[in-house]
Amino acid sequence: MNETVNAIQTYLRGVRSEWGKIMWPEKRQVVTETIFVIAIVFVFTVAVYLMDLIFKGLFGLIK
């Protein structure tokens, strides 16, 4: 039991040490990249929707 507690304490000390080395992005960068991701998702969503309409029309002609 004592070994387990020591292992957990050692692990948490390591996590604490590494936590201080993290380089967090600036707020502006996070906002910019979030907007970029939302725009890309929107463009791909519209593209898939348009392809769906096109294929639905083409398959309607085949019937």
Protein backbone atom coordinates (compact mmCIF):
# COMPACT_ATOMS: atom_id res chain seq x y z
CA MET A 1 0.00 0.00 0.00
CA ASN A 2 2.84 2.38 0.89
CA GLU A 3 4.50 1.76 -2.49
CA THR A 4 1.30 2.68 -4.29
CA VAL A 5 0.96 5.95 -2.37
CA ASN A 6 4.61 6.81 -3.10
CA ALA A 7 4.13 6.03 -6.79
CA ILE A 8 1.06 8.27 -6.95
CA GLN A 9 2.87 11.10 -5.16
CA THR A 10 5.85 10.80 -7.52
CA TYR A 11 3.54 10.84 -10.53
CA LEU A 12 1.68 13.92 -9.29
CA ARG A 13 4.98 15.73 -8.61
CA GLY A 14 6.00 15.01 -12.19
CA VAL A 15 2.67 16.28 -13.50
CA ARG A 16 3.06 19.45 -11.45
CA SER A 17 6.57 19.96 -12.80
CA GLU A 18 5.51 19.45 -16.43
CA TRP A 19 2.41 21.62 -16.04
CA GLY A 20 4.65 24.65 -15.58
CA LYS A 21 6.39 23.99 -18.91
CA ILE A 22 3.20 24.20 -20.98
CA MET A 23 3.14 27.08 -23.45
CA TRP A 24 -0.51 28.13 -23.57
CA PRO A 25 -1.64 29.97 -26.73
CA GLU A 26 -2.76 33.56 -26.55
CA LYS A 27 -6.47 34.34 -26.57
CA ARG A 28 -6.23 35.98 -30.00
CA GLN A 29 -4.70 32.84 -31.51
CA VAL A 30 -7.40 30.62 -29.99
CA VAL A 31 -10.18 32.87 -31.29
CA THR A 32 -8.63 33.08 -34.78
CA GLU A 33 -8.14 29.32 -35.07
CA THR A 34 -11.65 28.64 -33.75
CA ILE A 35 -13.17 30.94 -36.37
CA PHE A 36 -11.04 29.24 -39.04
CA VAL A 37 -12.25 25.78 -37.98
CA ILE A 38 -15.89 26.90 -37.94
CA ALA A 39 -15.49 28.39 -41.44
CA ILE A 40 -13.92 25.18 -42.79
CA VAL A 41 -16.70 23.06 -41.27
CA PHE A 42 -19.31 25.38 -42.78
CA VAL A 43 -17.71 25.21 -46.26
CA PHE A 44 -17.51 21.42 -46.17
CA THR A 45 -21.08 21.16 -44.91
CA VAL A 46 -22.34 23.29 -47.79
CA ALA A 47 -20.22 21.27 -50.27
CA VAL A 48 -21.64 17.95 -49.03
CA TYR A 49 -25.18 19.36 -49.14
CA LEU A 50 -24.70 20.55 -52.71
CA MET A 51 -23.26 17.17 -53.75
CA ASP A 52 -26.26 15.50 -52.13
CA LEU A 53 -28.63 17.67 -54.16
CA ILE A 54 -26.71 16.97 -57.37
CA PHE A 55 -26.65 13.20 -56.84
CA LYS A 56 -30.30 13.16 -55.80
CA GLY A 57 -31.15 14.94 -59.06
CA LEU A 58 -29.00 12.59 -61.14
CA PHE A 59 -30.46 9.48 -59.52
CA GLY A 60 -33.93 10.94 -60.06
CA LEU A 61 -33.21 11.05 -63.80
CA ILE A 62 -32.17 7.37 -63.79
CA LYS A 63 -35.42 6.14 -62.26
